[in-house]
N, C-alpha and C. Protein backbone atom coordinates (compact mmCIF):
# COMPACT_ATOMS: atom_id res chain seq x y z
N THR A 1 -38.83 14.43 -33.28
CA THR A 1 -39.56 14.41 -32.22
C THR A 1 -40.27 13.02 -31.96
N TYR A 2 -40.12 12.55 -30.48
CA TYR A 2 -40.65 11.19 -30.36
C TYR A 2 -41.49 11.36 -29.16
N ASN A 3 -42.73 10.54 -29.25
CA ASN A 3 -43.73 10.49 -28.10
C ASN A 3 -42.97 9.62 -27.12
N THR A 4 -43.44 9.76 -25.85
CA THR A 4 -42.77 8.81 -24.85
C THR A 4 -43.98 8.42 -23.96
N ILE A 5 -43.70 7.28 -23.02
CA ILE A 5 -44.81 7.06 -22.17
C ILE A 5 -43.72 6.33 -20.80
N GLY A 6 -44.57 6.85 -19.70
CA GLY A 6 -44.00 6.22 -18.40
C GLY A 6 -44.17 4.75 -18.09
N ILE A 7 -43.37 3.97 -17.83
CA ILE A 7 -43.84 2.67 -17.42
C ILE A 7 -42.84 2.17 -16.20
N GLY A 8 -43.67 2.28 -15.02
CA GLY A 8 -43.01 2.02 -13.76
C GLY A 8 -42.00 3.29 -13.60
N TYR A 9 -40.82 2.93 -13.38
CA TYR A 9 -39.76 4.07 -13.20
C TYR A 9 -39.06 4.61 -14.35
N GLN A 10 -39.43 4.01 -15.47
CA GLN A 10 -38.80 4.40 -16.82
C GLN A 10 -39.69 5.39 -17.75
N GLN A 11 -39.03 6.19 -18.31
CA GLN A 11 -39.75 7.04 -19.58
C GLN A 11 -39.02 6.45 -20.61
N LEU A 12 -39.96 5.80 -21.63
CA LEU A 12 -39.42 5.25 -22.84
C LEU A 12 -40.22 5.72 -24.09
N MET A 13 -39.48 5.77 -25.26
CA MET A 13 -40.04 6.13 -26.52
C MET A 13 -41.04 5.18 -26.80
N THR A 14 -42.13 5.69 -27.73
CA THR A 14 -43.16 4.63 -28.02
C THR A 14 -42.99 4.42 -29.52
N THR A 15 -42.20 4.80 -30.17
CA THR A 15 -41.65 4.60 -31.57
C THR A 15 -40.19 4.20 -31.75
N ASN A 16 -39.98 3.33 -32.70
CA ASN A 16 -38.60 3.27 -33.02
C ASN A 16 -37.68 4.30 -33.36
N LEU A 17 -36.54 4.43 -33.35
CA LEU A 17 -35.44 5.47 -33.43
C LEU A 17 -35.31 5.47 -34.92
N LYS A 18 -35.57 6.76 -35.56
CA LYS A 18 -35.36 7.22 -36.94
C LYS A 18 -34.22 8.06 -37.25
N THR A 19 -33.09 8.35 -36.30
CA THR A 19 -32.26 9.33 -36.66
C THR A 19 -31.45 8.71 -37.55
N THR A 20 -30.63 9.56 -38.16
CA THR A 20 -29.62 9.29 -39.19
C THR A 20 -28.35 9.99 -38.70
N HIS A 21 -28.27 10.71 -37.61
CA HIS A 21 -27.28 11.44 -37.04
C HIS A 21 -27.02 11.14 -35.43
N TYR A 22 -26.03 11.16 -34.87
CA TYR A 22 -25.73 10.91 -33.58
C TYR A 22 -25.91 12.30 -33.00
N ASN A 23 -26.20 12.27 -31.55
CA ASN A 23 -26.46 13.61 -30.87
C ASN A 23 -25.61 14.49 -30.88
N ASP A 24 -24.36 14.33 -31.19
CA ASP A 24 -23.47 15.31 -31.55
C ASP A 24 -23.40 16.08 -33.00
N GLY A 25 -24.34 15.60 -33.70
CA GLY A 25 -24.79 16.21 -34.94
C GLY A 25 -23.86 15.31 -36.32
N SER A 26 -22.96 14.51 -36.07
CA SER A 26 -22.19 13.83 -36.95
C SER A 26 -23.22 12.66 -37.54
N ALA A 27 -23.00 12.59 -38.76
CA ALA A 27 -23.89 11.58 -39.55
C ALA A 27 -23.43 10.09 -39.34
N ILE A 28 -24.45 9.21 -39.08
CA ILE A 28 -24.34 7.92 -38.97
C ILE A 28 -24.14 7.19 -40.55
N THR A 29 -23.06 6.49 -40.62
CA THR A 29 -23.03 5.81 -41.99
C THR A 29 -24.14 5.18 -42.56
N HIS A 30 -24.79 5.42 -43.70
CA HIS A 30 -25.78 4.63 -44.21
C HIS A 30 -25.35 3.52 -44.99
N VAL A 31 -25.43 2.40 -44.54
CA VAL A 31 -24.83 1.07 -45.41
C VAL A 31 -25.99 0.39 -46.14
N THR A 32 -25.67 0.44 -47.21
CA THR A 32 -26.73 -0.32 -48.19
C THR A 32 -25.97 -1.47 -48.73
N ASN A 33 -24.74 -1.42 -49.21
CA ASN A 33 -23.88 -2.57 -49.52
C ASN A 33 -24.00 -3.87 -48.48
N ASP A 34 -24.28 -4.98 -49.22
CA ASP A 34 -24.31 -6.10 -48.37
C ASP A 34 -22.74 -6.55 -47.81
N SER A 35 -21.81 -6.35 -48.80
CA SER A 35 -20.50 -7.00 -48.49
C SER A 35 -19.78 -5.95 -47.39
N ILE A 36 -20.35 -4.50 -47.30
CA ILE A 36 -19.83 -3.79 -46.24
C ILE A 36 -20.55 -4.16 -44.88
N TRP A 37 -21.88 -4.27 -45.13
CA TRP A 37 -22.82 -4.63 -43.92
C TRP A 37 -22.11 -5.74 -42.87
N GLU A 38 -21.78 -6.81 -43.57
CA GLU A 38 -21.28 -8.21 -43.12
C GLU A 38 -20.14 -8.06 -42.14
N VAL A 39 -19.22 -7.05 -42.78
CA VAL A 39 -17.93 -7.04 -42.07
C VAL A 39 -17.60 -5.61 -41.14
N THR A 40 -18.54 -4.90 -41.39
CA THR A 40 -18.31 -3.51 -40.75
C THR A 40 -18.08 -3.53 -39.27
N THR A 41 -17.15 -2.95 -38.43
CA THR A 41 -17.11 -2.91 -37.04
C THR A 41 -17.17 -1.36 -36.67
N THR A 42 -17.81 -0.61 -37.30
CA THR A 42 -18.21 0.71 -37.08
C THR A 42 -19.68 1.10 -37.16
N GLY A 43 -20.32 2.08 -36.81
CA GLY A 43 -21.37 2.46 -36.62
C GLY A 43 -21.91 2.49 -38.03
N GLY A 44 -23.31 1.85 -38.17
CA GLY A 44 -24.07 2.04 -39.53
C GLY A 44 -25.45 1.66 -39.15
N TYR A 45 -26.51 2.28 -40.13
CA TYR A 45 -27.75 2.08 -40.13
C TYR A 45 -28.25 1.78 -41.64
N CYS A 46 -29.56 1.31 -41.55
CA CYS A 46 -30.26 1.12 -42.92
C CYS A 46 -32.02 1.10 -42.43
N TRP A 47 -32.67 0.93 -43.76
CA TRP A 47 -33.86 0.97 -43.66
C TRP A 47 -34.08 -0.48 -44.13
N TYR A 48 -35.22 -1.04 -43.53
CA TYR A 48 -35.67 -2.41 -43.99
C TYR A 48 -35.72 -2.58 -45.51
N ALA A 49 -35.00 -3.62 -46.09
CA ALA A 49 -34.74 -3.71 -47.56
C ALA A 49 -34.31 -2.68 -48.25
N ASN A 50 -33.48 -1.63 -47.58
CA ASN A 50 -32.90 -0.52 -48.26
C ASN A 50 -34.23 0.34 -48.72
N ASP A 51 -35.33 0.36 -48.40
CA ASP A 51 -36.35 1.19 -48.82
C ASP A 51 -36.83 2.20 -47.81
N HIS A 52 -36.40 3.29 -47.80
CA HIS A 52 -36.76 4.56 -46.78
C HIS A 52 -38.26 4.64 -46.89
N ASP A 53 -38.79 5.06 -48.26
CA ASP A 53 -39.98 5.32 -48.61
C ASP A 53 -41.07 4.49 -48.05
N VAL A 54 -40.91 3.10 -48.06
CA VAL A 54 -41.97 2.09 -47.73
C VAL A 54 -41.75 1.87 -46.31
N TYR A 55 -40.60 1.78 -45.56
CA TYR A 55 -40.27 1.24 -44.13
C TYR A 55 -40.07 2.37 -42.94
N ALA A 56 -39.55 3.47 -43.42
CA ALA A 56 -39.04 4.50 -42.39
C ALA A 56 -40.04 5.13 -41.63
N SER A 57 -41.04 5.48 -41.91
CA SER A 57 -41.74 6.19 -41.14
C SER A 57 -42.66 5.32 -40.06
N THR A 58 -42.88 3.94 -40.53
CA THR A 58 -43.55 3.11 -39.56
C THR A 58 -42.57 2.42 -38.55
N TYR A 59 -41.62 1.72 -39.28
CA TYR A 59 -40.73 0.90 -38.45
C TYR A 59 -39.28 1.58 -37.98
N GLY A 60 -38.94 2.88 -38.54
CA GLY A 60 -37.79 3.20 -38.11
C GLY A 60 -36.59 2.81 -38.64
N ALA A 61 -35.47 3.02 -38.30
CA ALA A 61 -34.14 2.36 -38.88
C ALA A 61 -33.67 1.26 -38.23
N LEU A 62 -32.85 0.51 -38.81
CA LEU A 62 -32.07 -0.46 -38.30
C LEU A 62 -30.74 -0.13 -38.04
N TYR A 63 -30.08 -0.45 -37.00
CA TYR A 63 -28.86 -0.05 -36.65
C TYR A 63 -27.87 -1.18 -36.06
N ASN A 64 -26.87 -1.15 -36.56
CA ASN A 64 -25.72 -2.20 -36.11
C ASN A 64 -25.44 -1.78 -34.59
N TRP A 65 -24.77 -2.90 -33.76
CA TRP A 65 -24.53 -2.59 -32.46
C TRP A 65 -23.53 -1.57 -32.34
N TYR A 66 -22.51 -1.50 -33.22
CA TYR A 66 -21.52 -0.51 -33.08
C TYR A 66 -22.06 0.84 -33.10
N THR A 67 -23.09 1.05 -33.70
CA THR A 67 -23.82 2.58 -33.53
C THR A 67 -24.25 2.63 -32.08
N VAL A 68 -24.82 1.73 -31.54
CA VAL A 68 -25.15 1.83 -30.08
C VAL A 68 -24.09 2.16 -29.27
N ASN A 69 -23.08 1.24 -29.40
CA ASN A 69 -21.97 1.46 -28.62
C ASN A 69 -21.23 2.77 -28.56
N THR A 70 -21.51 3.82 -29.43
CA THR A 70 -20.81 4.84 -29.45
C THR A 70 -21.43 5.71 -28.45
N GLY A 71 -22.63 5.41 -27.73
CA GLY A 71 -23.16 6.09 -26.61
C GLY A 71 -23.79 7.40 -27.18
N LYS A 72 -23.66 7.55 -28.45
CA LYS A 72 -24.37 8.91 -29.02
C LYS A 72 -25.61 8.83 -29.82
N LEU A 73 -26.26 7.58 -29.65
CA LEU A 73 -27.21 7.38 -30.84
C LEU A 73 -28.65 8.14 -30.39
N CYS A 74 -28.70 7.95 -28.87
CA CYS A 74 -30.06 8.52 -28.54
C CYS A 74 -29.93 10.11 -28.15
N PRO A 75 -31.03 10.72 -28.22
CA PRO A 75 -30.94 12.43 -27.80
C PRO A 75 -30.20 12.51 -26.55
N GLN A 76 -29.71 13.63 -26.24
CA GLN A 76 -29.02 14.20 -25.10
C GLN A 76 -30.22 13.85 -23.76
N GLY A 77 -29.64 13.13 -22.78
CA GLY A 77 -30.60 12.93 -21.76
C GLY A 77 -31.25 11.67 -21.66
N TRP A 78 -30.97 10.88 -22.80
CA TRP A 78 -31.53 9.49 -23.26
C TRP A 78 -30.49 8.31 -23.30
N HIS A 79 -30.64 7.26 -23.39
CA HIS A 79 -29.74 6.20 -23.58
C HIS A 79 -30.37 4.88 -24.16
N VAL A 80 -29.60 4.08 -24.87
CA VAL A 80 -30.19 2.90 -25.54
C VAL A 80 -30.36 1.99 -24.00
N PRO A 81 -31.31 1.31 -23.92
CA PRO A 81 -31.48 0.54 -22.74
C PRO A 81 -30.56 -0.47 -22.38
N THR A 82 -30.05 -0.67 -21.22
CA THR A 82 -29.36 -1.89 -20.73
C THR A 82 -30.04 -3.13 -20.69
N GLU A 83 -29.57 -4.38 -20.81
CA GLU A 83 -30.21 -5.53 -20.44
C GLU A 83 -31.03 -5.44 -19.15
N ALA A 84 -30.51 -4.87 -18.20
CA ALA A 84 -31.13 -4.83 -17.08
C ALA A 84 -32.17 -3.90 -17.16
N ASP A 85 -32.39 -2.82 -18.01
CA ASP A 85 -33.17 -1.84 -18.01
C ASP A 85 -34.57 -2.54 -18.70
N PHE A 86 -34.26 -3.38 -19.79
CA PHE A 86 -35.39 -4.39 -20.34
C PHE A 86 -35.81 -5.32 -19.02
N GLN A 87 -34.94 -5.73 -18.55
CA GLN A 87 -35.52 -6.66 -17.21
C GLN A 87 -36.39 -6.08 -16.47
N GLU A 88 -36.10 -4.92 -15.98
CA GLU A 88 -36.96 -4.04 -15.11
C GLU A 88 -38.17 -3.77 -15.92
N LEU A 89 -38.27 -3.26 -17.23
CA LEU A 89 -39.54 -3.35 -17.82
C LEU A 89 -40.48 -4.32 -17.94
N ILE A 90 -39.58 -5.62 -18.25
CA ILE A 90 -40.41 -6.87 -18.11
C ILE A 90 -41.12 -7.08 -16.99
N GLU A 91 -40.30 -7.02 -16.01
CA GLU A 91 -40.83 -7.14 -14.33
C GLU A 91 -42.06 -6.35 -13.98
N TYR A 92 -41.79 -4.94 -14.46
CA TYR A 92 -42.76 -4.07 -13.99
C TYR A 92 -44.30 -4.61 -14.73
N VAL A 93 -44.03 -4.68 -15.94
CA VAL A 93 -45.22 -5.29 -16.77
C VAL A 93 -45.89 -6.53 -16.36
N SER A 94 -45.05 -7.38 -16.14
CA SER A 94 -45.81 -8.78 -15.43
C SER A 94 -44.68 -9.70 -15.23
N ASP A 95 -44.43 -10.59 -16.21
CA ASP A 95 -43.39 -11.50 -16.09
C ASP A 95 -42.94 -11.80 -17.58
N ALA A 96 -42.02 -12.39 -17.86
CA ALA A 96 -41.62 -12.75 -19.21
C ALA A 96 -42.62 -13.57 -20.03
N SER A 97 -43.38 -14.25 -19.53
CA SER A 97 -44.34 -15.08 -20.14
C SER A 97 -45.69 -14.35 -20.66
N THR A 98 -45.83 -13.16 -20.29
CA THR A 98 -46.89 -12.28 -20.65
C THR A 98 -46.44 -10.86 -21.16
N ALA A 99 -45.35 -10.50 -20.69
CA ALA A 99 -45.03 -9.14 -20.96
C ALA A 99 -44.98 -8.79 -22.46
N GLY A 100 -44.57 -9.60 -23.20
CA GLY A 100 -44.33 -9.24 -24.72
C GLY A 100 -45.68 -8.80 -25.20
N GLY A 101 -46.77 -9.53 -24.78
CA GLY A 101 -48.18 -9.13 -25.36
C GLY A 101 -48.61 -8.06 -24.78
N LYS A 102 -48.27 -7.50 -23.57
CA LYS A 102 -48.70 -6.25 -23.14
C LYS A 102 -47.86 -5.10 -23.66
N LEU A 103 -46.62 -5.42 -24.48
CA LEU A 103 -46.28 -4.38 -24.90
C LEU A 103 -46.02 -4.38 -26.58
N LYS A 104 -46.78 -5.17 -27.33
CA LYS A 104 -46.76 -5.30 -28.64
C LYS A 104 -48.06 -4.44 -28.99
N GLU A 105 -48.14 -3.90 -30.28
CA GLU A 105 -49.05 -3.06 -30.80
C GLU A 105 -50.20 -4.28 -31.01
N THR A 106 -51.57 -3.99 -30.94
CA THR A 106 -52.60 -4.92 -31.33
C THR A 106 -52.88 -5.00 -32.68
N GLY A 107 -53.56 -6.14 -33.06
CA GLY A 107 -54.12 -6.30 -34.34
C GLY A 107 -53.03 -6.86 -35.34
N THR A 108 -53.55 -7.06 -36.49
CA THR A 108 -52.58 -7.69 -37.46
C THR A 108 -52.33 -6.74 -38.79
N ILE A 109 -52.35 -5.47 -38.50
CA ILE A 109 -52.01 -4.62 -39.68
C ILE A 109 -50.51 -4.44 -39.87
N HIS A 110 -49.68 -4.72 -38.55
CA HIS A 110 -48.32 -4.67 -38.74
C HIS A 110 -47.79 -6.25 -38.44
N TRP A 111 -48.35 -6.82 -37.45
CA TRP A 111 -47.96 -8.09 -37.07
C TRP A 111 -48.77 -9.10 -37.79
N GLN A 112 -47.79 -10.18 -38.09
CA GLN A 112 -48.55 -11.26 -38.66
C GLN A 112 -49.57 -12.04 -37.53
N SER A 113 -50.60 -12.67 -38.26
CA SER A 113 -51.66 -13.48 -37.28
C SER A 113 -50.81 -14.62 -36.72
N PRO A 114 -51.04 -14.94 -35.35
CA PRO A 114 -52.13 -14.49 -34.83
C PRO A 114 -51.76 -13.20 -33.68
N ASN A 115 -50.61 -12.89 -33.56
CA ASN A 115 -50.22 -11.60 -32.58
C ASN A 115 -50.74 -12.07 -31.33
N ALA A 116 -50.06 -13.30 -30.97
CA ALA A 116 -50.65 -13.77 -29.72
C ALA A 116 -50.36 -12.78 -28.49
N GLY A 117 -51.54 -12.62 -27.59
CA GLY A 117 -51.31 -11.94 -26.48
C GLY A 117 -51.52 -10.62 -26.51
N ALA A 118 -51.35 -10.08 -27.58
CA ALA A 118 -51.34 -8.42 -27.75
C ALA A 118 -52.40 -7.67 -27.35
N THR A 119 -52.02 -6.89 -26.39
CA THR A 119 -52.93 -6.02 -25.59
C THR A 119 -52.27 -4.51 -25.56
N ASP A 120 -51.24 -4.11 -25.66
CA ASP A 120 -50.50 -3.08 -25.69
C ASP A 120 -50.89 -2.18 -24.50
N GLU A 121 -51.22 -2.77 -23.49
CA GLU A 121 -51.92 -2.13 -22.35
C GLU A 121 -50.98 -0.97 -21.70
N PHE A 122 -49.88 -1.06 -22.07
CA PHE A 122 -48.92 0.06 -21.61
C PHE A 122 -48.47 1.12 -22.68
N ASP A 123 -48.98 0.95 -23.71
CA ASP A 123 -48.79 1.98 -24.72
C ASP A 123 -47.30 2.07 -25.22
N PHE A 124 -46.72 0.72 -25.19
CA PHE A 124 -45.46 0.94 -25.63
C PHE A 124 -45.26 0.64 -27.14
N THR A 125 -46.24 -0.08 -27.80
CA THR A 125 -46.68 -0.28 -29.22
C THR A 125 -45.51 -0.64 -29.94
N GLY A 126 -44.93 -2.00 -29.40
CA GLY A 126 -43.89 -2.80 -29.92
C GLY A 126 -44.27 -3.08 -31.55
N LEU A 127 -43.59 -2.90 -32.37
CA LEU A 127 -43.63 -3.20 -33.71
C LEU A 127 -42.86 -4.23 -34.29
N PRO A 128 -43.19 -5.00 -35.29
CA PRO A 128 -42.35 -6.16 -35.96
C PRO A 128 -41.53 -5.55 -36.96
N SER A 129 -40.45 -4.93 -36.68
CA SER A 129 -39.75 -4.32 -37.95
C SER A 129 -38.51 -5.23 -38.29
N GLY A 130 -38.75 -6.36 -37.96
CA GLY A 130 -37.77 -7.58 -38.37
C GLY A 130 -36.40 -7.00 -38.02
N ARG A 131 -35.27 -7.58 -38.97
CA ARG A 131 -33.93 -7.30 -38.80
C ARG A 131 -33.09 -7.45 -40.00
N ARG A 132 -32.02 -6.79 -40.02
CA ARG A 132 -31.07 -7.02 -40.96
C ARG A 132 -29.88 -7.98 -40.48
N ILE A 133 -29.96 -9.21 -40.80
CA ILE A 133 -29.10 -10.44 -40.37
C ILE A 133 -27.70 -9.87 -40.54
N GLU A 134 -26.72 -10.34 -39.94
CA GLU A 134 -25.34 -10.37 -40.01
C GLU A 134 -24.74 -10.52 -41.49
N ASN A 135 -25.45 -11.42 -42.19
CA ASN A 135 -24.97 -11.62 -43.55
C ASN A 135 -25.80 -10.84 -44.57
N ALA A 136 -26.44 -9.74 -44.06
CA ALA A 136 -27.03 -8.67 -44.80
C ALA A 136 -28.26 -8.89 -45.24
N ASP A 137 -28.73 -10.15 -45.15
CA ASP A 137 -30.40 -10.41 -45.48
C ASP A 137 -31.33 -9.88 -44.65
N PHE A 138 -32.31 -9.28 -45.13
CA PHE A 138 -33.51 -8.61 -44.37
C PHE A 138 -34.48 -9.65 -44.12
N ASP A 139 -34.99 -10.00 -42.86
CA ASP A 139 -35.97 -11.13 -42.58
C ASP A 139 -36.78 -10.70 -41.37
N PHE A 140 -37.81 -11.52 -41.29
CA PHE A 140 -38.79 -11.35 -39.96
C PHE A 140 -39.53 -10.17 -39.93
N LEU A 141 -39.76 -9.28 -40.90
CA LEU A 141 -40.60 -8.22 -40.92
C LEU A 141 -42.20 -8.75 -40.65
N HIS A 142 -42.87 -8.22 -39.84
CA HIS A 142 -44.16 -8.58 -39.32
C HIS A 142 -44.15 -9.69 -38.35
N VAL A 143 -42.93 -10.22 -38.14
CA VAL A 143 -42.79 -11.63 -37.36
C VAL A 143 -42.03 -11.10 -35.86
N GLU A 144 -41.04 -10.35 -36.05
CA GLU A 144 -40.38 -10.08 -34.68
C GLU A 144 -40.21 -8.40 -34.55
N GLY A 145 -40.46 -8.10 -33.41
CA GLY A 145 -39.63 -6.73 -32.90
C GLY A 145 -38.56 -6.86 -32.18
N ASN A 146 -37.15 -6.60 -32.82
CA ASN A 146 -36.14 -6.71 -32.15
C ASN A 146 -35.26 -5.37 -31.86
N PHE A 147 -35.01 -5.26 -30.51
CA PHE A 147 -34.36 -3.89 -30.01
C PHE A 147 -33.23 -4.12 -29.38
N TRP A 148 -32.33 -3.41 -29.53
CA TRP A 148 -30.75 -3.34 -29.15
C TRP A 148 -30.73 -3.08 -27.76
N SER A 149 -30.03 -3.69 -26.70
CA SER A 149 -29.50 -3.07 -25.50
C SER A 149 -28.28 -2.66 -25.59
N SER A 150 -27.71 -1.72 -24.85
CA SER A 150 -26.38 -1.34 -24.83
C SER A 150 -25.21 -2.28 -24.11
N THR A 151 -25.84 -3.36 -23.75
CA THR A 151 -25.07 -4.45 -22.82
C THR A 151 -24.20 -5.31 -23.77
N ASN A 152 -22.90 -5.31 -23.61
CA ASN A 152 -22.00 -5.92 -24.26
C ASN A 152 -21.80 -7.32 -23.80
N TYR A 153 -22.10 -8.43 -24.73
CA TYR A 153 -21.80 -9.87 -24.01
C TYR A 153 -20.53 -10.48 -24.25
N SER A 154 -20.10 -10.14 -25.57
CA SER A 154 -18.59 -10.83 -25.87
C SER A 154 -18.16 -10.09 -27.00
N THR A 155 -16.89 -10.38 -27.58
CA THR A 155 -16.32 -9.79 -28.82
C THR A 155 -17.38 -9.72 -30.00
N LEU A 156 -18.25 -10.74 -30.32
CA LEU A 156 -19.09 -10.91 -31.41
C LEU A 156 -20.58 -10.47 -31.01
N THR A 157 -20.88 -10.51 -29.78
CA THR A 157 -22.46 -10.39 -29.43
C THR A 157 -22.66 -9.30 -28.44
N ALA A 158 -23.78 -8.98 -28.53
CA ALA A 158 -24.58 -7.94 -27.41
C ALA A 158 -25.96 -8.62 -27.24
N ALA A 159 -26.69 -7.97 -26.05
CA ALA A 159 -27.84 -8.11 -25.62
C ALA A 159 -28.70 -7.75 -26.37
N TYR A 160 -30.13 -8.27 -26.62
CA TYR A 160 -30.99 -7.54 -27.12
C TYR A 160 -32.20 -8.10 -26.71
N PHE A 161 -33.53 -7.41 -26.84
CA PHE A 161 -34.89 -7.63 -26.24
C PHE A 161 -35.68 -7.96 -27.57
N TYR A 162 -36.42 -8.91 -27.42
CA TYR A 162 -37.27 -9.04 -28.68
C TYR A 162 -38.86 -9.73 -28.49
N LEU A 163 -39.51 -9.34 -29.42
CA LEU A 163 -41.16 -9.73 -29.22
C LEU A 163 -41.44 -10.35 -30.61
N VAL A 164 -42.45 -11.55 -30.68
CA VAL A 164 -42.62 -12.16 -31.69
C VAL A 164 -44.26 -12.59 -31.71
N TYR A 165 -44.50 -12.60 -32.87
CA TYR A 165 -45.95 -12.59 -33.45
C TYR A 165 -46.64 -13.90 -32.78
N ASN A 166 -46.05 -15.10 -32.52
CA ASN A 166 -47.06 -16.20 -32.12
C ASN A 166 -46.71 -16.44 -30.52
N TYR A 167 -46.13 -15.35 -29.88
CA TYR A 167 -46.05 -15.55 -28.43
C TYR A 167 -46.32 -14.34 -27.71
N GLY A 168 -46.96 -14.55 -26.33
CA GLY A 168 -47.05 -13.21 -25.60
C GLY A 168 -45.77 -12.98 -24.90
N ASN A 169 -44.87 -13.81 -24.94
CA ASN A 169 -43.67 -13.65 -24.00
C ASN A 169 -42.70 -12.44 -24.51
N ALA A 170 -41.81 -12.01 -23.59
CA ALA A 170 -40.82 -11.04 -23.90
C ALA A 170 -39.72 -11.78 -23.69
N PHE A 171 -38.71 -11.62 -24.66
CA PHE A 171 -37.38 -12.46 -24.32
C PHE A 171 -36.32 -11.45 -24.60
N THR A 172 -35.17 -11.99 -23.92
CA THR A 172 -33.91 -11.29 -23.86
C THR A 172 -32.85 -12.17 -24.26
N ALA A 173 -31.90 -11.92 -25.19
CA ALA A 173 -30.84 -13.05 -25.66
C ALA A 173 -29.71 -12.19 -26.15
N HIS A 174 -28.65 -12.97 -26.72
CA HIS A 174 -27.61 -12.26 -27.20
C HIS A 174 -27.55 -12.65 -28.84
N ILE A 175 -27.12 -11.63 -29.54
CA ILE A 175 -27.02 -11.61 -31.07
C ILE A 175 -25.76 -10.99 -31.51
N ASN A 176 -25.45 -11.53 -32.78
CA ASN A 176 -24.18 -10.97 -33.57
C ASN A 176 -24.39 -9.40 -33.54
N LYS A 177 -23.31 -8.68 -33.43
CA LYS A 177 -23.20 -7.24 -33.39
C LYS A 177 -23.51 -6.76 -34.56
N ASN A 178 -23.34 -7.53 -35.71
CA ASN A 178 -23.62 -7.00 -37.16
C ASN A 178 -25.00 -6.98 -37.49
N ASN A 179 -25.75 -7.44 -36.68
CA ASN A 179 -27.57 -7.59 -37.03
C ASN A 179 -27.74 -6.08 -37.01
N GLY A 180 -28.79 -5.85 -37.95
CA GLY A 180 -29.52 -4.47 -37.82
C GLY A 180 -30.86 -4.68 -37.09
N LEU A 181 -31.06 -4.01 -35.69
CA LEU A 181 -32.07 -3.94 -35.11
C LEU A 181 -32.52 -2.59 -34.60
N SER A 182 -33.82 -2.45 -34.23
CA SER A 182 -34.52 -1.26 -33.95
C SER A 182 -33.71 -0.69 -32.51
N VAL A 183 -34.01 0.53 -32.35
CA VAL A 183 -33.84 1.03 -30.98
C VAL A 183 -34.94 1.89 -30.32
N ARG A 184 -35.17 1.65 -29.16
CA ARG A 184 -36.18 2.58 -28.21
C ARG A 184 -35.27 3.06 -27.34
N CYS A 185 -35.16 4.33 -27.16
CA CYS A 185 -34.34 5.08 -26.09
C CYS A 185 -35.20 4.97 -24.56
N VAL A 186 -34.64 5.00 -23.59
CA VAL A 186 -34.87 5.45 -22.23
C VAL A 186 -34.34 6.68 -21.61
N LYS A 187 -35.14 7.43 -20.94
CA LYS A 187 -34.52 8.47 -20.41
C LYS A 187 -33.54 8.19 -19.23
N ASP A 188 -32.64 9.08 -19.07
CA ASP A 188 -31.46 8.94 -18.24
C ASP A 188 -32.07 9.04 -16.83
């Protein structure tokens, strides 16, 4: 069960996805082995630092893009946002230079100081869940909140949306599909 919030014309989850199963009931492969994470081209997830007990309830799971690309990651009636969905969110909130702050959780319990511009005035509560880099290292906890989009960019990369501790900006870019990032679903 996930809480949601309406922002503009979108209904979004206010916490990171934690599912270990696709919406058809089949299991998502839990990948803890670094060598496998680096080369897999099928769906997989992990918990930050492979530690469910410490990180799962707050930060949710980290998924590779191949999991997103199945189209079965979000609950029925929901989908992983496209790059255009994230652009719509940014434009509704304000603009790229201040939208990040308006979407980040306030304070420094989870975010590293200074958590620039954080007001969370839209109750999106963006968290700095870090990521699992394509070489399988875990990094950027408390520093970045990284969220997959479903938009494919190239054979190796896909679009994502991210927030950082020292800027109030919201960013979109492209990243290697073997990164493990968070997911927030949006209603169809």
